[in-house]
Amino acid sequence: MTDGISGIPALAALRRRAGAELFARVAGPQGPATRSRIHETPGPRWFGPDRPIRVVHGDASMFVGGLRALLLQSLHPLAMAAVEAHSGYRGDPWGRLQRTSTFLAVTTFGTAADAQRAVDHVRAVHERVRGTSASGEAYRAGDPHLLGWVHAAEVDSFLRAHRAYGERSLDDEAYDGYVADAAVVAAALGVVDPPRDQRQLAGVLAAYRAELHRTRAALDAARFILLRPPLPWVVRPPYGLLAAGAVSLLPGWARRELRLPYLPVVEGPAVRLGAAGVTRGIRWAMTRPPGGEAGRRVDPGVPT
């Protein structure tokens, strides 16, 4: 059995090659072993197969959501100071992506024991990340207030990206369920009273607004993400469409803070179509066709 055009040998080979390269970038050299451990280890999970978090985190729209989250998170000066000083996003951007995507995959799809180990590891790392910002304010990555901002910005970004570019749109009840699912992970990481539905999420984001503004570090990070990604030139055009899709989903105040232009006449349809096309291409490449390895579908966007 074949799935239409993917059954054409040349296209099937292209699909396998593109999917393998994307997977290697996102999952890293331990990706195949990690994927096997996540999906093949028996035991209870934090989230059952019917939970919304599996739908959202298993979709290629996560590529757009991840970029939006990085841009939005950068606008908290203390969170950005910690990222700039400790994350190594310039020197090892792929390593940071791989660690983040592995954490998302393990906590979303892995066994409860494996998810708890991942959370414990991150909390231990956070305890070591502390310092002083350029303005002289002390920060520590384990501060529940900073963790609350990072979590809210991330969940809002993944949700909005899925609404815009997800393969299977959810209703509001399911998206509330996604926020509630994500709150389980957030609470385990040390976030105090994380939002559990979209209304609460909007309230949390609004409560942080007075603390958010651009810094030199935030502007540098935006330039790195949007203009100087560590990618071969051949893939920069599709990446640019994903990045434009991420920018288009930012609130207006965040775009102004990051000095990102807004072109309303062309941006809406052009960006939406371009980002949707690239997202569909990623989904196609990272979804195994029927008959491949028992027809098992790869969850796009995370190393599964």
C-alpha atoms as a PDB file:
ATOM      1  CA  MET A   1       0.000   0.000   0.000  1.00  0.00           C
ATOM      2  CA  THR A   2       1.140   3.565  -0.701  1.00  0.00           C
ATOM      3  CA  ASP A   3      -0.259   7.006   0.130  1.00  0.00           C
ATOM      4  CA  GLY A   4      -0.565   8.563  -3.305  1.00  0.00           C
ATOM      5  CA  ILE A   5       2.375  10.664  -4.363  1.00  0.00           C
ATOM      6  CA  SER A   6       4.504   9.315  -1.504  1.00  0.00           C
ATOM      7  CA  GLY A   7       4.389   5.970  -3.309  1.00  0.00           C
ATOM      8  CA  ILE A   8       6.359   7.410  -6.223  1.00  0.00           C
ATOM      9  CA  PRO A   9       9.909   6.174  -5.570  1.00  0.00           C
ATOM     10  CA  ALA A  10      11.652   9.526  -6.031  1.00  0.00           C
ATOM     11  CA  LEU A  11       9.179  11.347  -3.802  1.00  0.00           C
ATOM     12  CA  ALA A  12       9.265   8.574  -1.232  1.00  0.00           C
ATOM     13  CA  ALA A  13      13.055   8.824  -1.103  1.00  0.00           C
ATOM     14  CA  LEU A  14      12.845  12.620  -0.807  1.00  0.00           C
ATOM     15  CA  ARG A  15      10.344  12.263   2.008  1.00  0.00           C
ATOM     16  CA  ARG A  16      12.565   9.860   3.917  1.00  0.00           C
ATOM     17  CA  ARG A  17      15.643  12.029   3.449  1.00  0.00           C
ATOM     18  CA  ALA A  18      13.907  15.268   4.420  1.00  0.00           C
ATOM     19  CA  GLY A  19      12.274  13.645   7.428  1.00  0.00           C
ATOM     20  CA  ALA A  20      15.554  12.132   8.588  1.00  0.00           C
ATOM     21  CA  GLU A  21      17.381  15.459   8.301  1.00  0.00           C
ATOM     22  CA  LEU A  22      14.656  17.337  10.173  1.00  0.00           C
ATOM     23  CA  PHE A  23      14.544  14.681  12.865  1.00  0.00           C
ATOM     24  CA  ALA A  24      18.327  14.779  13.269  1.00  0.00           C
ATOM     25  CA  ARG A  25      18.253  18.556  13.663  1.00  0.00           C
ATOM     26  CA  VAL A  26      15.450  18.542  16.210  1.00  0.00           C
ATOM     27  CA  ALA A  27      16.301  15.376  18.132  1.00  0.00           C
ATOM     28  CA  GLY A  28      20.101  15.256  17.932  1.00  0.00           C
ATOM     29  CA  PRO A  29      22.380  12.226  17.736  1.00  0.00           C
ATOM     30  CA  GLN A  30      20.497  10.372  20.487  1.00  0.00           C
ATOM     31  CA  GLY A  31      17.161  10.951  18.768  1.00  0.00           C
ATOM     32  CA  PRO A  32      16.430   7.356  17.663  1.00  0.00           C
ATOM     33  CA  ALA A  33      17.251   5.949  21.095  1.00  0.00           C
ATOM     34  CA  THR A  34      15.210   8.670  22.792  1.00  0.00           C
ATOM     35  CA  ARG A  35      12.260   8.022  20.496  1.00  0.00           C
ATOM     36  CA  SER A  36      12.343   4.325  21.281  1.00  0.00           C
ATOM     37  CA  ARG A  37      12.553   4.953  25.001  1.00  0.00           C
ATOM     38  CA  ILE A  38       9.644   7.410  24.940  1.00  0.00           C
ATOM     39  CA  HIS A  39       7.248   5.315  22.895  1.00  0.00           C
ATOM     40  CA  GLU A  40       8.254   1.745  23.600  1.00  0.00           C
ATOM     41  CA  THR A  41       8.806   1.759  27.362  1.00  0.00           C
ATOM     42  CA  PRO A  42       5.719   0.342  29.099  1.00  0.00           C
ATOM     43  CA  GLY A  43       4.186   2.116  32.034  1.00  0.00           C
ATOM     44  CA  PRO A  44       1.686   4.828  33.000  1.00  0.00           C
ATOM     45  CA  ARG A  45       1.945   8.256  31.364  1.00  0.00           C
ATOM     46  CA  TRP A  46       1.109  11.708  32.660  1.00  0.00           C
ATOM     47  CA  PHE A  47      -1.212  12.126  29.674  1.00  0.00           C
ATOM     48  CA  GLY A  48      -3.386   9.542  28.020  1.00  0.00           C
ATOM     49  CA  PRO A  49      -3.662   9.177  24.239  1.00  0.00           C
ATOM     50  CA  ASP A  50      -6.850  11.273  24.135  1.00  0.00           C
ATOM     51  CA  ARG A  51      -5.382  14.349  25.866  1.00  0.00           C
ATOM     52  CA  PRO A  52      -5.115  17.655  23.928  1.00  0.00           C
ATOM     53  CA  ILE A  53      -1.454  18.149  24.844  1.00  0.00           C
ATOM     54  CA  ARG A  54      -0.593  15.174  22.650  1.00  0.00           C
ATOM     55  CA  VAL A  55      -2.384  16.747  19.700  1.00  0.00           C
ATOM     56  CA  VAL A  56      -0.746  20.171  20.092  1.00  0.00           C
ATOM     57  CA  HIS A  57       2.771  18.999  20.925  1.00  0.00           C
ATOM     58  CA  GLY A  58       2.628  16.353  18.216  1.00  0.00           C
ATOM     59  CA  ASP A  59       1.942  18.815  15.403  1.00  0.00           C
ATOM     60  CA  ALA A  60       4.333  20.586  13.039  1.00  0.00           C
ATOM     61  CA  SER A  61       2.851  23.930  14.102  1.00  0.00           C
ATOM     62  CA  MET A  62       5.209  23.625  17.072  1.00  0.00           C
ATOM     63  CA  PHE A  63       7.965  24.986  14.834  1.00  0.00           C
ATOM     64  CA  VAL A  64       6.058  28.270  14.491  1.00  0.00           C
ATOM     65  CA  GLY A  65       5.005  28.264  18.137  1.00  0.00           C
ATOM     66  CA  GLY A  66       8.540  27.688  19.350  1.00  0.00           C
ATOM     67  CA  LEU A  67       9.857  30.703  17.466  1.00  0.00           C
ATOM     68  CA  ARG A  68       7.031  32.885  18.769  1.00  0.00           C
ATOM     69  CA  ALA A  69       7.691  31.701  22.311  1.00  0.00           C
ATOM     70  CA  LEU A  70      11.378  32.617  22.116  1.00  0.00           C
ATOM     71  CA  LEU A  71      10.583  36.110  20.848  1.00  0.00           C
ATOM     72  CA  LEU A  72       7.869  36.735  23.439  1.00  0.00           C
ATOM     73  CA  GLN A  73       9.835  35.289  26.354  1.00  0.00           C
ATOM     74  CA  SER A  74      12.790  37.552  25.537  1.00  0.00           C
ATOM     75  CA  LEU A  75      10.774  40.613  26.582  1.00  0.00           C
ATOM     76  CA  HIS A  76      11.100  39.825  30.279  1.00  0.00           C
ATOM     77  CA  PRO A  77      14.480  41.418  31.113  1.00  0.00           C
ATOM     78  CA  LEU A  78      15.403  38.949  33.862  1.00  0.00           C
ATOM     79  CA  ALA A  79      14.351  35.890  31.882  1.00  0.00           C
ATOM     80  CA  MET A  80      16.347  37.170  28.921  1.00  0.00           C
ATOM     81  CA  ALA A  81      19.368  37.909  31.126  1.00  0.00           C
ATOM     82  CA  ALA A  82      19.358  34.282  32.271  1.00  0.00           C
ATOM     83  CA  VAL A  83      19.061  33.018  28.689  1.00  0.00           C
ATOM     84  CA  GLU A  84      21.840  35.268  27.435  1.00  0.00           C
ATOM     85  CA  ALA A  85      24.250  34.330  30.202  1.00  0.00           C
ATOM     86  CA  HIS A  86      23.547  30.634  30.591  1.00  0.00           C
ATOM     87  CA  SER A  87      21.657  29.039  27.705  1.00  0.00           C
ATOM     88  CA  GLY A  88      24.351  29.074  25.025  1.00  0.00           C
ATOM     89  CA  TYR A  89      21.763  29.808  22.360  1.00  0.00           C
ATOM     90  CA  ARG A  90      24.338  31.498  20.106  1.00  0.00           C
ATOM     91  CA  GLY A  91      27.150  28.990  20.512  1.00  0.00           C
ATOM     92  CA  ASP A  92      24.978  25.875  20.601  1.00  0.00           C
ATOM     93  CA  PRO A  93      21.512  26.737  19.236  1.00  0.00           C
ATOM     94  CA  TRP A  94      20.837  23.226  17.973  1.00  0.00           C
ATOM     95  CA  GLY A  95      21.817  21.700  21.279  1.00  0.00           C
ATOM     96  CA  ARG A  96      19.378  23.993  23.065  1.00  0.00           C
ATOM     97  CA  LEU A  97      16.620  23.086  20.608  1.00  0.00           C
ATOM     98  CA  GLN A  98      17.329  19.391  21.054  1.00  0.00           C
ATOM     99  CA  ARG A  99      17.235  19.609  24.836  1.00  0.00           C
ATOM    100  CA  THR A 100      13.977  21.557  24.772  1.00  0.00           C
ATOM    101  CA  SER A 101      12.287  19.292  22.246  1.00  0.00           C
ATOM    102  CA  THR A 102      13.381  16.198  24.143  1.00  0.00           C
ATOM    103  CA  PHE A 103      11.929  17.602  27.362  1.00  0.00           C
ATOM    104  CA  LEU A 104       8.620  18.325  25.637  1.00  0.00           C
ATOM    105  CA  ALA A 105       8.535  14.866  24.094  1.00  0.00           C
ATOM    106  CA  VAL A 106       9.366  13.029  27.313  1.00  0.00           C
ATOM    107  CA  THR A 107       6.860  14.919  29.461  1.00  0.00           C
ATOM    108  CA  THR A 108       4.121  14.697  26.814  1.00  0.00           C
ATOM    109  CA  PHE A 109       4.522  11.138  25.547  1.00  0.00           C
ATOM    110  CA  GLY A 110       6.930   9.323  27.878  1.00  0.00           C
ATOM    111  CA  THR A 111       6.319   7.286  30.986  1.00  0.00           C
ATOM    112  CA  ALA A 112       5.481   9.081  34.218  1.00  0.00           C
ATOM    113  CA  ALA A 113       8.814   7.974  35.693  1.00  0.00           C
ATOM    114  CA  ASP A 114      10.773   9.282  32.720  1.00  0.00           C
ATOM    115  CA  ALA A 115       8.820  12.551  32.761  1.00  0.00           C
ATOM    116  CA  GLN A 116       9.575  13.033  36.459  1.00  0.00           C
ATOM    117  CA  ARG A 117      13.279  12.400  35.870  1.00  0.00           C
ATOM    118  CA  ALA A 118      13.269  15.021  33.113  1.00  0.00           C
ATOM    119  CA  VAL A 119      11.570  17.540  35.406  1.00  0.00           C
ATOM    120  CA  ASP A 120      13.982  16.804  38.246  1.00  0.00           C
ATOM    121  CA  HIS A 121      16.932  17.356  35.912  1.00  0.00           C
ATOM    122  CA  VAL A 122      15.590  20.707  34.695  1.00  0.00           C
ATOM    123  CA  ARG A 123      14.897  21.861  38.242  1.00  0.00           C
ATOM    124  CA  ALA A 124      18.454  20.983  39.250  1.00  0.00           C
ATOM    125  CA  VAL A 125      19.802  22.985  36.292  1.00  0.00           C
ATOM    126  CA  HIS A 126      17.570  25.939  37.188  1.00  0.00           C
ATOM    127  CA  GLU A 127      18.960  25.992  40.721  1.00  0.00           C
ATOM    128  CA  ARG A 128      22.440  26.604  39.318  1.00  0.00           C
ATOM    129  CA  VAL A 129      21.352  29.386  36.958  1.00  0.00           C
ATOM    130  CA  ARG A 130      21.524  32.682  38.775  1.00  0.00           C
ATOM    131  CA  GLY A 131      23.235  36.000  38.313  1.00  0.00           C
ATOM    132  CA  THR A 132      22.735  39.726  37.817  1.00  0.00           C
ATOM    133  CA  SER A 133      21.219  41.447  34.808  1.00  0.00           C
ATOM    134  CA  ALA A 134      22.819  44.379  32.963  1.00  0.00           C
ATOM    135  CA  SER A 135      20.602  46.718  34.997  1.00  0.00           C
ATOM    136  CA  GLY A 136      21.884  45.248  38.266  1.00  0.00           C
ATOM    137  CA  GLU A 137      18.868  43.105  39.183  1.00  0.00           C
ATOM    138  CA  ALA A 138      19.463  39.649  40.588  1.00  0.00           C
ATOM    139  CA  TYR A 139      17.797  36.695  38.924  1.00  0.00           C
ATOM    140  CA  ARG A 140      17.575  32.948  39.341  1.00  0.00           C
ATOM    141  CA  ALA A 141      16.050  30.583  36.832  1.00  0.00           C
ATOM    142  CA  GLY A 142      14.196  28.669  39.550  1.00  0.00           C
ATOM    143  CA  ASP A 143      12.268  31.776  40.646  1.00  0.00           C
ATOM    144  CA  PRO A 144       8.585  30.723  40.425  1.00  0.00           C
ATOM    145  CA  HIS A 145       7.656  34.170  39.102  1.00  0.00           C
ATOM    146  CA  LEU A 146      10.077  33.926  36.172  1.00  0.00           C
ATOM    147  CA  LEU A 147       9.070  30.321  35.556  1.00  0.00           C
ATOM    148  CA  GLY A 148       5.456  31.484  35.427  1.00  0.00           C
ATOM    149  CA  TRP A 149       6.246  33.963  32.658  1.00  0.00           C
ATOM    150  CA  VAL A 150       8.233  31.470  30.597  1.00  0.00           C
ATOM    151  CA  HIS A 151       5.444  28.915  30.939  1.00  0.00           C
ATOM    152  CA  ALA A 152       2.614  31.311  30.065  1.00  0.00           C
ATOM    153  CA  ALA A 153       4.427  32.674  27.014  1.00  0.00           C
ATOM    154  CA  GLU A 154       5.235  29.170  25.811  1.00  0.00           C
ATOM    155  CA  VAL A 155       1.738  27.748  26.241  1.00  0.00           C
ATOM    156  CA  ASP A 156       0.141  30.795  24.622  1.00  0.00           C
ATOM    157  CA  SER A 157       2.534  30.486  21.680  1.00  0.00           C
ATOM    158  CA  PHE A 158       1.981  26.772  21.110  1.00  0.00           C
ATOM    159  CA  LEU A 159      -1.784  27.224  21.393  1.00  0.00           C
ATOM    160  CA  ARG A 160      -1.949  30.143  18.964  1.00  0.00           C
ATOM    161  CA  ALA A 161       0.341  28.432  16.473  1.00  0.00           C
ATOM    162  CA  HIS A 162      -1.828  25.324  16.576  1.00  0.00           C
ATOM    163  CA  ARG A 163      -4.969  27.390  16.032  1.00  0.00           C
ATOM    164  CA  ALA A 164      -3.359  28.995  12.992  1.00  0.00           C
ATOM    165  CA  TYR A 165      -1.384  26.115  11.487  1.00  0.00           C
ATOM    166  CA  GLY A 166      -2.392  22.881  13.193  1.00  0.00           C
ATOM    167  CA  GLU A 167      -3.454  19.963  11.053  1.00  0.00           C
ATOM    168  CA  ARG A 168      -6.520  19.301  13.173  1.00  0.00           C
ATOM    169  CA  SER A 169      -8.037  22.370  14.782  1.00  0.00           C
ATOM    170  CA  LEU A 170      -9.473  21.931  18.280  1.00  0.00           C
ATOM    171  CA  ASP A 171     -12.474  23.586  19.871  1.00  0.00           C
ATOM    172  CA  ASP A 172     -12.237  25.927  22.850  1.00  0.00           C
ATOM    173  CA  GLU A 173     -12.978  23.155  25.323  1.00  0.00           C
ATOM    174  CA  ALA A 174     -10.060  21.137  23.991  1.00  0.00           C
ATOM    175  CA  TYR A 175      -7.744  24.146  24.020  1.00  0.00           C
ATOM    176  CA  ASP A 176      -8.750  24.734  27.643  1.00  0.00           C
ATOM    177  CA  GLY A 177      -7.789  21.109  28.174  1.00  0.00           C
ATOM    178  CA  TYR A 178      -4.416  21.788  26.584  1.00  0.00           C
ATOM    179  CA  VAL A 179      -3.750  24.647  28.996  1.00  0.00           C
ATOM    180  CA  ALA A 180      -4.758  22.379  31.887  1.00  0.00           C
ATOM    181  CA  ASP A 181      -2.470  19.597  30.648  1.00  0.00           C
ATOM    182  CA  ALA A 182       0.457  21.982  30.316  1.00  0.00           C
ATOM    183  CA  ALA A 183      -0.210  23.183  33.866  1.00  0.00           C
ATOM    184  CA  VAL A 184       0.631  19.688  35.146  1.00  0.00           C
ATOM    185  CA  VAL A 185       4.159  20.012  33.776  1.00  0.00           C
ATOM    186  CA  ALA A 186       4.466  23.630  34.901  1.00  0.00           C
ATOM    187  CA  ALA A 187       3.504  22.797  38.476  1.00  0.00           C
ATOM    188  CA  ALA A 188       6.039  19.972  38.516  1.00  0.00           C
ATOM    189  CA  LEU A 189       8.701  22.476  37.410  1.00  0.00           C
ATOM    190  CA  GLY A 190       7.845  24.858  40.232  1.00  0.00           C
ATOM    191  CA  VAL A 191       5.300  27.261  38.758  1.00  0.00           C
ATOM    192  CA  VAL A 192       2.859  28.343  41.449  1.00  0.00           C
ATOM    193  CA  ASP A 193      -0.806  28.063  40.447  1.00  0.00           C
ATOM    194  CA  PRO A 194      -0.277  27.899  36.658  1.00  0.00           C
ATOM    195  CA  PRO A 195      -3.252  28.824  34.447  1.00  0.00           C
ATOM    196  CA  ARG A 196      -5.633  25.970  33.703  1.00  0.00           C
ATOM    197  CA  ASP A 197      -7.777  27.389  30.919  1.00  0.00           C
ATOM    198  CA  GLN A 198      -7.552  30.065  28.242  1.00  0.00           C
ATOM    199  CA  ARG A 199      -9.228  32.727  30.367  1.00  0.00           C
ATOM    200  CA  GLN A 200      -6.754  32.243  33.186  1.00  0.00           C
ATOM    201  CA  LEU A 201      -3.889  32.188  30.688  1.00  0.00           C
ATOM    202  CA  ALA A 202      -4.944  35.560  29.271  1.00  0.00           C
ATOM    203  CA  GLY A 203      -5.110  36.955  32.791  1.00  0.00           C
ATOM    204  CA  VAL A 204      -1.613  35.723  33.655  1.00  0.00           C
ATOM    205  CA  LEU A 205      -0.142  37.205  30.480  1.00  0.00           C
ATOM    206  CA  ALA A 206      -1.827  40.547  31.195  1.00  0.00           C
ATOM    207  CA  ALA A 207      -0.488  40.539  34.755  1.00  0.00           C
ATOM    208  CA  TYR A 208       3.099  40.344  33.470  1.00  0.00           C
ATOM    209  CA  ARG A 209       2.676  43.128  30.917  1.00  0.00           C
ATOM    210  CA  ALA A 210       4.087  45.926  33.102  1.00  0.00           C
ATOM    211  CA  GLU A 211       7.349  43.971  33.548  1.00  0.00           C
ATOM    212  CA  LEU A 212       7.950  43.410  29.849  1.00  0.00           C
ATOM    213  CA  HIS A 213      10.082  45.611  27.649  1.00  0.00           C
ATOM    214  CA  ARG A 214      12.904  45.362  25.182  1.00  0.00           C
ATOM    215  CA  THR A 215      16.520  45.215  26.209  1.00  0.00           C
ATOM    216  CA  ARG A 216      19.634  45.069  24.104  1.00  0.00           C
ATOM    217  CA  ALA A 217      19.756  41.336  24.771  1.00  0.00           C
ATOM    218  CA  ALA A 218      16.158  40.898  23.562  1.00  0.00           C
ATOM    219  CA  LEU A 219      16.851  42.822  20.347  1.00  0.00           C
ATOM    220  CA  ASP A 220      20.036  40.816  19.770  1.00  0.00           C
ATOM    221  CA  ALA A 221      18.122  37.568  20.274  1.00  0.00           C
ATOM    222  CA  ALA A 222      15.412  38.654  17.831  1.00  0.00           C
ATOM    223  CA  ARG A 223      18.023  39.487  15.195  1.00  0.00           C
ATOM    224  CA  PHE A 224      19.694  36.132  15.724  1.00  0.00           C
ATOM    225  CA  ILE A 225      16.415  34.215  15.464  1.00  0.00           C
ATOM    226  CA  LEU A 226      14.984  36.130  12.526  1.00  0.00           C
ATOM    227  CA  LEU A 227      17.977  37.325  10.502  1.00  0.00           C
ATOM    228  CA  ARG A 228      20.979  35.158  11.378  1.00  0.00           C
ATOM    229  CA  PRO A 229      19.734  31.615  12.020  1.00  0.00           C
ATOM    230  CA  PRO A 230      22.456  28.940  11.948  1.00  0.00           C
ATOM    231  CA  LEU A 231      21.075  27.354   8.782  1.00  0.00           C
ATOM    232  CA  PRO A 232      22.348  26.627   5.264  1.00  0.00           C
ATOM    233  CA  TRP A 233      21.241  29.247   2.759  1.00  0.00           C
ATOM    234  CA  VAL A 234      19.121  26.741   0.869  1.00  0.00           C
ATOM    235  CA  VAL A 235      16.705  26.312   3.781  1.00  0.00           C
ATOM    236  CA  ARG A 236      16.600  29.926   4.902  1.00  0.00           C
ATOM    237  CA  PRO A 237      13.622  30.879   2.668  1.00  0.00           C
ATOM    238  CA  PRO A 238      11.275  28.267   4.214  1.00  0.00           C
ATOM    239  CA  TYR A 239      12.645  29.091   7.655  1.00  0.00           C
ATOM    240  CA  GLY A 240      11.925  32.739   6.919  1.00  0.00           C
ATOM    241  CA  LEU A 241       8.303  31.877   6.216  1.00  0.00           C
ATOM    242  CA  LEU A 242       8.031  30.031   9.529  1.00  0.00           C
ATOM    243  CA  ALA A 243       9.622  32.987  11.314  1.00  0.00           C
ATOM    244  CA  ALA A 244       7.257  35.413   9.589  1.00  0.00           C
ATOM    245  CA  GLY A 245       4.363  33.244  10.718  1.00  0.00           C
ATOM    246  CA  ALA A 246       5.660  33.413  14.279  1.00  0.00           C
ATOM    247  CA  VAL A 247       6.030  37.195  14.151  1.00  0.00           C
ATOM    248  CA  SER A 248       2.514  37.583  12.743  1.00  0.00           C
ATOM    249  CA  LEU A 249       1.120  35.814  15.821  1.00  0.00           C
ATOM    250  CA  LEU A 250       2.807  38.172  18.295  1.00  0.00           C
ATOM    251  CA  PRO A 251       0.661  40.835  19.975  1.00  0.00           C
ATOM    252  CA  GLY A 252       1.137  44.314  18.549  1.00  0.00           C
ATOM    253  CA  TRP A 253       2.865  45.653  21.654  1.00  0.00           C
ATOM    254  CA  ALA A 254       5.474  42.866  21.493  1.00  0.00           C
ATOM    255  CA  ARG A 255       6.195  43.602  17.833  1.00  0.00           C
ATOM    256  CA  ARG A 256       6.686  47.269  18.641  1.00  0.00           C
ATOM    257  CA  GLU A 257       9.018  46.453  21.534  1.00  0.00           C
ATOM    258  CA  LEU A 258      11.116  44.203  19.278  1.00  0.00           C
ATOM    259  CA  ARG A 259      10.992  46.770  16.444  1.00  0.00           C
ATOM    260  CA  LEU A 260       9.414  44.313  14.047  1.00  0.00           C
ATOM    261  CA  PRO A 261       7.573  45.985  11.149  1.00  0.00           C
ATOM    262  CA  TYR A 262       3.931  45.387  10.343  1.00  0.00           C
ATOM    263  CA  LEU A 263       2.722  45.460   6.734  1.00  0.00           C
ATOM    264  CA  PRO A 264      -1.033  44.884   7.001  1.00  0.00           C
ATOM    265  CA  VAL A 265      -1.789  44.934   3.264  1.00  0.00           C
ATOM    266  CA  VAL A 266       0.451  42.005   2.371  1.00  0.00           C
ATOM    267  CA  GLU A 267       1.301  40.355   5.664  1.00  0.00           C
ATOM    268  CA  GLY A 268      -1.950  38.591   6.461  1.00  0.00           C
ATOM    269  CA  PRO A 269      -2.605  36.390   3.425  1.00  0.00           C
ATOM    270  CA  ALA A 270       0.993  36.155   2.208  1.00  0.00           C
ATOM    271  CA  VAL A 271       2.479  35.159   5.549  1.00  0.00           C
ATOM    272  CA  ARG A 272      -0.374  32.815   6.424  1.00  0.00           C
ATOM    273  CA  LEU A 273      -0.162  30.964   3.107  1.00  0.00           C
ATOM    274  CA  GLY A 274       3.635  30.755   3.185  1.00  0.00           C
ATOM    275  CA  ALA A 275       3.902  29.550   6.775  1.00  0.00           C
ATOM    276  CA  ALA A 276       1.036  27.095   6.250  1.00  0.00           C
ATOM    277  CA  GLY A 277       2.778  25.663   3.197  1.00  0.00           C
ATOM    278  CA  VAL A 278       6.061  25.138   5.020  1.00  0.00           C
ATOM    279  CA  THR A 279       4.273  23.632   8.021  1.00  0.00           C
ATOM    280  CA  ARG A 280       2.463  21.190   5.738  1.00  0.00           C
ATOM    281  CA  GLY A 281       5.803  20.305   4.155  1.00  0.00           C
ATOM    282  CA  ILE A 282       7.349  19.564   7.554  1.00  0.00           C
ATOM    283  CA  ARG A 283       4.329  17.489   8.520  1.00  0.00           C
ATOM    284  CA  TRP A 284       4.566  15.520   5.272  1.00  0.00           C
ATOM    285  CA  ALA A 285       8.298  14.896   5.712  1.00  0.00           C
ATOM    286  CA  MET A 286       8.048  13.836   9.350  1.00  0.00           C
ATOM    287  CA  THR A 287       5.002  11.594   8.984  1.00  0.00           C
ATOM    288  CA  ARG A 288       5.831   8.066   7.972  1.00  0.00           C
ATOM    289  CA  PRO A 289       3.635   6.832   5.122  1.00  0.00           C
ATOM    290  CA  PRO A 290       1.388   3.820   5.636  1.00  0.00           C
ATOM    291  CA  GLY A 291       3.399   0.626   5.544  1.00  0.00           C
ATOM    292  CA  GLY A 292       6.578   2.248   6.888  1.00  0.00           C
ATOM    293  CA  GLU A 293       7.496   0.711  10.236  1.00  0.00           C
ATOM    294  CA  ALA A 294       4.001  -0.682  10.676  1.00  0.00           C
ATOM    295  CA  GLY A 295       2.563   2.607   9.481  1.00  0.00           C
ATOM    296  CA  ARG A 296       3.407   4.387  12.748  1.00  0.00           C
ATOM    297  CA  ARG A 297       3.048   8.128  12.494  1.00  0.00           C
ATOM    298  CA  VAL A 298       5.877  10.282  13.746  1.00  0.00           C
ATOM    299  CA  ASP A 299       4.745  13.105  16.001  1.00  0.00           C
ATOM    300  CA  PRO A 300       6.105  16.186  14.192  1.00  0.00           C
ATOM    301  CA  GLY A 301       7.919  18.949  15.974  1.00  0.00           C
ATOM    302  CA  VAL A 302       9.327  16.839  18.803  1.00  0.00           C
ATOM    303  CA  PRO A 303      11.760  13.919  18.758  1.00  0.00           C
ATOM    304  CA  THR A 304       9.264  11.097  18.819  1.00  0.00           C
END
